[in-house]
Protein backbone atom coordinates (compact mmCIF):
# COMPACT_ATOMS: atom_id res chain seq x y z
CA MET A 1 88.13 114.51 89.97
CA SER A 2 87.52 110.67 89.97
CA THR A 3 85.30 109.38 92.66
CA ALA A 4 87.89 106.77 93.35
CA THR A 5 90.02 109.35 95.05
CA ARG A 6 89.19 111.85 98.02
CA THR A 7 92.12 114.03 97.84
CA GLN A 8 95.47 113.87 96.49
CA PRO A 9 97.66 111.25 98.32
CA VAL A 10 99.47 112.19 101.55
CA VAL A 11 102.44 110.14 102.25
CA THR A 12 103.73 110.29 106.07
CA ARG A 13 106.79 108.34 107.10
CA ILE A 14 106.26 106.25 110.31
CA GLY A 15 109.67 104.69 110.39
CA GLY A 16 113.23 105.94 109.74
CA ARG A 17 114.06 103.16 107.26
CA ILE A 18 110.80 101.48 106.58
CA GLY A 19 107.18 102.22 106.49
CA ALA A 20 104.77 105.15 105.48
CA GLU A 21 101.08 105.88 105.77
CA ILE A 22 99.12 107.13 102.77
CA GLU A 23 95.98 109.25 103.13
CA GLY A 24 93.56 110.58 100.66
CA VAL A 25 93.18 107.35 98.70
CA ARG A 26 90.15 105.06 98.30
CA LEU A 27 91.64 101.89 96.94
CA GLY A 28 90.03 99.99 94.12
CA GLY A 29 90.12 99.26 90.51
CA GLY A 30 89.20 102.91 89.47
CA LEU A 31 92.11 104.75 90.60
CA PRO A 32 93.67 107.18 88.04
CA ASP A 33 96.95 106.41 86.68
CA GLU A 34 98.66 109.18 88.40
CA VAL A 35 97.49 108.15 91.86
CA VAL A 36 98.69 104.61 91.08
CA ALA A 37 101.98 105.83 90.15
CA GLU A 38 102.33 107.93 93.47
CA VAL A 39 101.17 104.76 95.51
CA ARG A 40 103.93 102.74 93.64
CA SER A 41 106.59 105.26 94.08
CA ALA A 42 105.91 105.55 97.90
CA LEU A 43 105.94 101.72 98.06
CA LEU A 44 109.29 101.50 96.40
CA ALA A 45 110.72 104.18 98.61
CA HIS A 46 109.15 103.07 101.82
CA LYS A 47 108.97 99.19 101.27
CA VAL A 48 105.58 98.87 103.07
CA VAL A 49 102.76 101.50 102.95
CA PHE A 50 99.49 101.46 105.06
CA PHE A 51 95.92 102.62 104.50
CA ARG A 52 93.25 103.19 107.05
CA ASP A 53 89.61 103.12 106.55
CA GLN A 54 89.35 100.99 103.49
CA ASP A 55 86.11 99.22 104.61
CA HIS A 56 84.54 99.50 101.23
CA LEU A 57 86.96 96.90 99.61
CA ASP A 58 85.56 93.47 98.91
CA GLU A 59 87.22 90.53 97.21
CA ALA A 60 86.50 92.09 93.71
CA GLY A 61 87.57 95.48 94.76
CA HIS A 62 90.76 94.12 96.35
CA GLU A 63 91.71 92.19 93.29
CA ALA A 64 90.74 95.07 90.86
CA PHE A 65 93.36 97.32 92.65
CA ALA A 66 95.93 94.56 92.58
CA GLN A 67 95.58 94.66 88.85
CA LEU A 68 96.76 98.35 88.63
CA LEU A 69 100.18 97.23 90.18
CA GLY A 70 100.73 94.12 87.88
CA THR A 71 99.33 90.59 87.48
CA PRO A 72 97.54 89.09 90.38
CA VAL A 73 98.90 85.41 91.01
CA ALA A 74 97.53 82.58 92.99
CA HIS A 75 99.25 80.70 95.82
CA PRO A 76 100.94 77.68 94.24
CA THR A 77 99.68 75.23 96.70
CA VAL A 78 97.11 76.86 98.95
CA PRO A 79 93.57 77.16 97.51
CA SER A 80 92.07 80.74 97.65
CA ALA A 81 89.43 81.68 100.04
CA ASP A 82 86.47 83.64 98.37
CA GLY A 83 88.02 84.78 95.19
CA ARG A 84 90.13 83.84 92.59
CA TYR A 85 93.44 85.30 93.87
CA ALA A 86 92.56 86.18 97.58
CA LEU A 87 94.04 83.88 100.02
CA GLY A 88 92.51 83.82 103.48
CA ILE A 89 94.89 84.57 106.36
CA ASP A 90 92.61 82.96 109.19
CA SER A 91 93.87 82.46 112.88
CA HIS A 92 91.45 79.50 113.20
CA HIS A 93 93.20 77.67 110.34
CA GLY A 94 96.77 77.80 111.61
CA ALA A 95 97.56 81.21 109.82
CA ARG A 96 99.61 82.56 112.30
CA ALA A 97 103.10 83.30 110.83
CA ASN A 98 105.05 84.02 113.76
CA GLN A 99 108.06 83.85 111.89
CA TRP A 100 110.23 86.14 109.56
CA HIS A 101 109.65 85.25 105.89
CA THR A 102 109.27 86.77 102.54
CA ASP A 103 106.31 85.49 100.69
CA VAL A 104 106.59 82.28 98.59
CA THR A 105 110.35 82.35 98.00
CA PHE A 106 110.23 78.55 97.30
CA VAL A 107 109.46 79.37 93.63
CA PRO A 108 111.79 81.21 91.28
CA ALA A 109 109.46 84.21 90.49
CA TYR A 110 108.01 84.94 93.65
CA PRO A 111 105.54 87.58 94.15
CA ALA A 112 106.63 91.32 93.80
CA PHE A 113 104.06 92.78 95.81
CA SER A 114 101.43 91.48 98.64
CA ILE A 115 98.11 93.32 99.58
CA LEU A 116 96.84 92.50 102.86
CA ARG A 117 93.29 93.62 103.88
CA ALA A 118 92.16 93.28 107.52
CA VAL A 119 88.65 91.83 108.00
CA THR A 120 88.36 90.90 111.55
CA ILE A 121 91.05 92.16 114.11
CA PRO A 122 91.41 90.75 117.74
CA PRO A 123 90.87 93.10 120.73
CA TYR A 124 94.49 92.91 121.44
CA GLY A 125 97.69 91.56 119.68
CA GLY A 126 98.07 90.32 116.18
CA ASN A 127 100.24 93.02 114.93
CA THR A 128 102.64 92.54 111.96
CA LEU A 129 106.10 93.63 111.67
CA TRP A 130 108.13 94.33 108.45
CA ALA A 131 112.04 94.58 107.99
CA ASN A 132 113.76 96.29 105.21
CA THR A 133 116.17 93.82 103.53
CA ALA A 134 117.89 96.57 101.29
CA ALA A 135 118.54 98.54 104.41
CA ALA A 136 119.85 95.52 106.22
CA TYR A 137 122.30 94.80 103.25
CA ALA A 138 123.49 98.38 102.87
CA HIS A 139 124.42 98.56 106.69
CA LEU A 140 126.40 95.31 106.64
CA PRO A 141 130.13 95.86 107.11
CA GLU A 142 131.83 95.78 103.96
CA PRO A 143 133.29 92.24 104.39
CA LEU A 144 129.84 90.68 105.23
CA ARG A 145 128.55 92.46 101.91
CA VAL A 146 131.19 90.90 99.87
CA LEU A 147 130.63 87.50 101.59
CA ALA A 148 126.70 87.66 101.03
CA ASP A 149 127.26 88.79 97.30
CA SER A 150 128.96 85.25 96.57
CA LEU A 151 126.52 82.95 98.32
CA ARG A 152 123.34 81.15 97.13
CA ALA A 153 120.42 79.32 99.17
CA VAL A 154 118.05 76.67 98.62
CA HIS A 155 114.52 77.63 99.54
CA THR A 156 111.76 75.17 100.08
CA ASN A 157 108.07 75.02 101.31
CA GLU A 158 108.92 71.49 103.02
CA TYR A 159 110.12 72.16 106.56
CA ASP A 160 109.54 70.84 110.18
CA TYR A 161 106.27 72.78 110.97
CA ALA A 162 105.92 70.59 114.09
CA ALA A 163 109.30 71.79 115.27
CA LEU A 164 108.53 75.33 114.46
CA LYS A 165 105.12 75.25 116.42
CA PRO A 166 105.36 72.51 119.14
CA ASP A 167 102.04 73.58 120.48
CA ALA A 168 100.07 73.42 117.08
CA LEU A 169 96.94 71.34 117.06
CA PRO A 170 97.16 68.02 115.12
CA GLU A 171 94.62 69.26 112.54
CA ALA A 172 96.68 72.41 111.84
CA LEU A 173 99.90 69.98 111.37
CA ALA A 174 97.74 67.90 109.02
CA GLN A 175 96.49 70.72 107.00
CA TYR A 176 100.19 72.00 106.54
CA ARG A 177 101.23 68.79 105.32
CA GLU A 178 98.24 68.15 102.95
CA VAL A 179 97.75 71.61 101.58
CA PHE A 180 100.96 73.82 101.85
CA THR A 181 103.32 70.83 100.71
CA SER A 182 100.85 69.31 98.28
CA THR A 183 103.66 70.05 95.74
CA LYS A 184 107.17 70.25 97.34
CA PHE A 185 109.30 73.14 95.58
CA ARG A 186 112.96 73.57 95.92
CA THR A 187 114.66 76.96 94.45
CA GLU A 188 118.00 77.99 94.67
CA HIS A 189 118.30 81.92 94.94
CA PRO A 190 121.19 84.32 95.34
CA VAL A 191 121.49 85.52 99.02
CA VAL A 192 121.57 88.97 97.67
CA ARG A 193 119.18 90.03 94.65
CA VAL A 194 119.47 93.20 92.51
CA HIS A 195 115.86 94.95 92.75
CA PRO A 196 114.67 95.18 89.25
CA GLU A 197 113.01 98.72 89.79
CA THR A 198 115.25 100.37 92.38
CA GLY A 199 118.61 98.65 91.65
CA GLU A 200 119.12 98.16 95.41
CA ARG A 201 120.75 95.09 96.69
CA THR A 202 118.46 93.07 99.07
CA LEU A 203 119.02 90.23 101.29
CA LEU A 204 117.09 87.18 100.16
CA LEU A 205 116.52 85.00 103.25
CA GLY A 206 113.55 84.13 105.65
CA ASN A 207 112.06 80.93 106.89
CA PHE A 208 111.81 79.11 103.68
CA VAL A 209 115.65 78.91 103.67
CA GLN A 210 116.74 75.37 103.86
CA ARG A 211 120.54 75.78 103.64
CA ILE A 212 123.53 77.70 102.09
CA ASP A 213 124.55 76.00 98.98
CA GLY A 214 127.86 74.27 99.35
CA LEU A 215 127.97 74.34 103.19
CA THR A 216 127.37 71.87 105.85
CA GLY A 217 124.33 72.23 108.17
CA GLN A 218 126.10 73.90 110.99
CA ASP A 219 128.13 76.29 108.96
CA SER A 220 124.90 77.01 106.80
CA ARG A 221 122.93 77.61 109.83
CA ALA A 222 125.45 79.89 111.25
CA LEU A 223 125.59 82.23 108.17
CA VAL A 224 121.89 82.23 107.71
CA ASP A 225 121.43 83.39 111.51
CA LEU A 226 124.19 86.07 111.04
CA PHE A 227 122.59 87.72 108.03
CA GLN A 228 119.06 87.26 109.28
CA SER A 229 119.95 88.93 112.61
CA HIS A 230 121.03 92.07 110.56
CA ILE A 231 117.23 92.09 108.97
CA GLU A 232 115.72 91.87 112.15
CA ARG A 233 117.62 94.77 113.81
CA PRO A 234 114.98 96.97 115.35
CA GLU A 235 116.08 100.09 113.29
CA ASN A 236 115.40 97.93 109.95
CA THR A 237 111.58 97.19 111.13
CA VAL A 238 108.18 98.88 111.51
CA ARG A 239 105.30 97.46 113.50
CA TRP A 240 101.65 98.01 112.50
CA GLN A 241 98.67 97.79 114.81
CA TRP A 242 95.88 96.44 112.76
CA ARG A 243 92.27 97.93 112.61
CA ALA A 244 89.48 96.43 110.66
CA GLY A 245 89.35 97.94 107.15
CA ASP A 246 93.36 98.56 107.05
CA VAL A 247 95.34 97.56 104.06
CA ALA A 248 98.99 97.25 103.95
CA ILE A 249 100.90 96.65 100.80
CA TRP A 250 104.54 95.68 100.66
CA ASP A 251 107.27 95.28 98.20
CA ASN A 252 107.94 91.51 98.66
CA ARG A 253 111.39 91.77 96.88
CA ALA A 254 112.72 94.03 99.54
CA THR A 255 111.31 93.16 102.87
CA GLN A 256 110.48 90.23 105.25
CA HIS A 257 107.44 90.39 107.65
CA TYR A 258 106.25 88.61 110.75
CA GLY A 259 102.67 88.22 112.01
CA VAL A 260 102.91 88.24 115.75
CA ASP A 261 100.83 85.22 117.35
CA ASP A 262 99.88 87.03 120.75
CA SER A 263 96.11 87.53 120.46
CA ASP A 264 95.20 83.95 122.37
CA ASP A 265 92.02 82.40 120.74
CA HIS A 266 90.81 85.63 119.37
CA GLU A 267 89.62 85.80 115.59
CA ARG A 268 92.11 87.31 113.40
CA THR A 269 90.90 87.23 109.49
CA LEU A 270 92.79 88.98 106.75
CA ARG A 271 92.86 88.58 102.93
CA ARG A 272 95.82 88.56 100.87
CA VAL A 273 96.28 89.13 97.11
CA THR A 274 99.69 88.93 95.58
CA VAL A 275 101.11 90.53 92.49
CA ASP A 276 103.42 88.32 90.19
CA GLY A 277 107.21 88.92 90.26
CA ASP A 278 110.17 88.31 88.32
CA VAL A 279 113.05 85.80 88.67
CA PRO A 280 115.81 87.25 90.93
CA VAL A 281 119.06 87.91 89.78
CA GLY A 282 122.27 88.15 91.89
CA PRO A 283 125.17 90.66 91.76
CA ASP A 284 126.85 88.29 89.46
CA GLY A 285 124.11 88.50 86.91
CA VAL A 286 123.15 84.78 87.71
CA PRO A 287 119.24 84.04 88.06
CA SER A 288 117.63 81.90 90.55
CA ARG A 289 116.99 78.58 89.37
CA LEU A 290 114.12 75.77 90.15
CA ILE A 291 115.63 72.62 91.52
CA SER A 292 112.27 70.59 92.10
CA PRO A 293 109.89 69.49 91.03
CA GLU A 294 110.73 68.46 87.47
CA THR A 295 106.84 68.79 86.61
CA VAL A 296 105.25 72.14 87.92
CA PRO A 297 101.46 71.53 88.39
CA ASP A 298 100.48 75.28 87.49
CA PRO A 299 103.45 76.81 85.46
CA SER A 300 101.73 80.10 85.47
CA PHE A 301 103.03 80.71 89.22
CA GLY A 302 106.44 81.74 89.70
CA ILE A 303 108.16 79.46 87.04
CA PRO A 304 109.29 81.23 83.86
CA SER A 305 108.07 79.89 80.53
CA GLY A 306 110.18 77.08 79.35
CA ALA A 307 111.90 76.58 82.64
CA SER A 308 112.85 73.13 83.70
CA ALA A 309 114.21 71.62 87.08
CA THR A 310 117.73 71.06 87.47
CA ALA A 311 119.39 68.93 90.22
């Protein structure tokens, strides 16, 4: 047996519609193919999977494991922390999400998977919630599923951060404006995407949505809130209480997540590596499209080769 594993993976569901804990796996770049396949299968089935006691992982091991699931990819605007792909999620630099989102949907081919590793955990609070957007779609009343299938939405990384976090420190606001929106992206996605591996239909929304295409501001907000409320229903969610050394992996094409900002001024530090995804396609077969910018600083992230922005 490879030294990369202790035993065969044991998968235990922790939520009715989302979430499972996997035991018996020591994460790293040396996992056997059959173990990687089992982890991927559990990930697709349960949308988010959790691993305890992965204290051995460092930046290199974290990224090496990510390569077993696909191609690691850097954030399009935020510099990495200590490695080429590892992004620091640091409470002391404004990294308290406190809002439902799917990672980086403001570009066309946003990440397929996100791998989050806990480094420093506060004595209380700081939990993360995930929601199953496939279950949310599947349990919509049929008239709402038909409506959602027909809609498209514009996603952007430029939004009113000050309104979202009125108590944010001025330096946090400045960091947001100077770093997160250093390049302003706008992408049109279908509100419902067809998952490329499972064939499920998932709701593609979250805090990066600017508006529903073709609707006025008030009507657009009402529809976004309507569908988002189904995603956030408690039965579609799972909550994880972090311990240092934990790792969470989620299918970013079928989930939203929410980092709860309730640990006061205590330090909360995590590292995230994302795995490159594909361009979503709606039920009508029409793919997502980049609206802006016309010139992409790093075309390797989320922008299919040869793509050009359209108004």
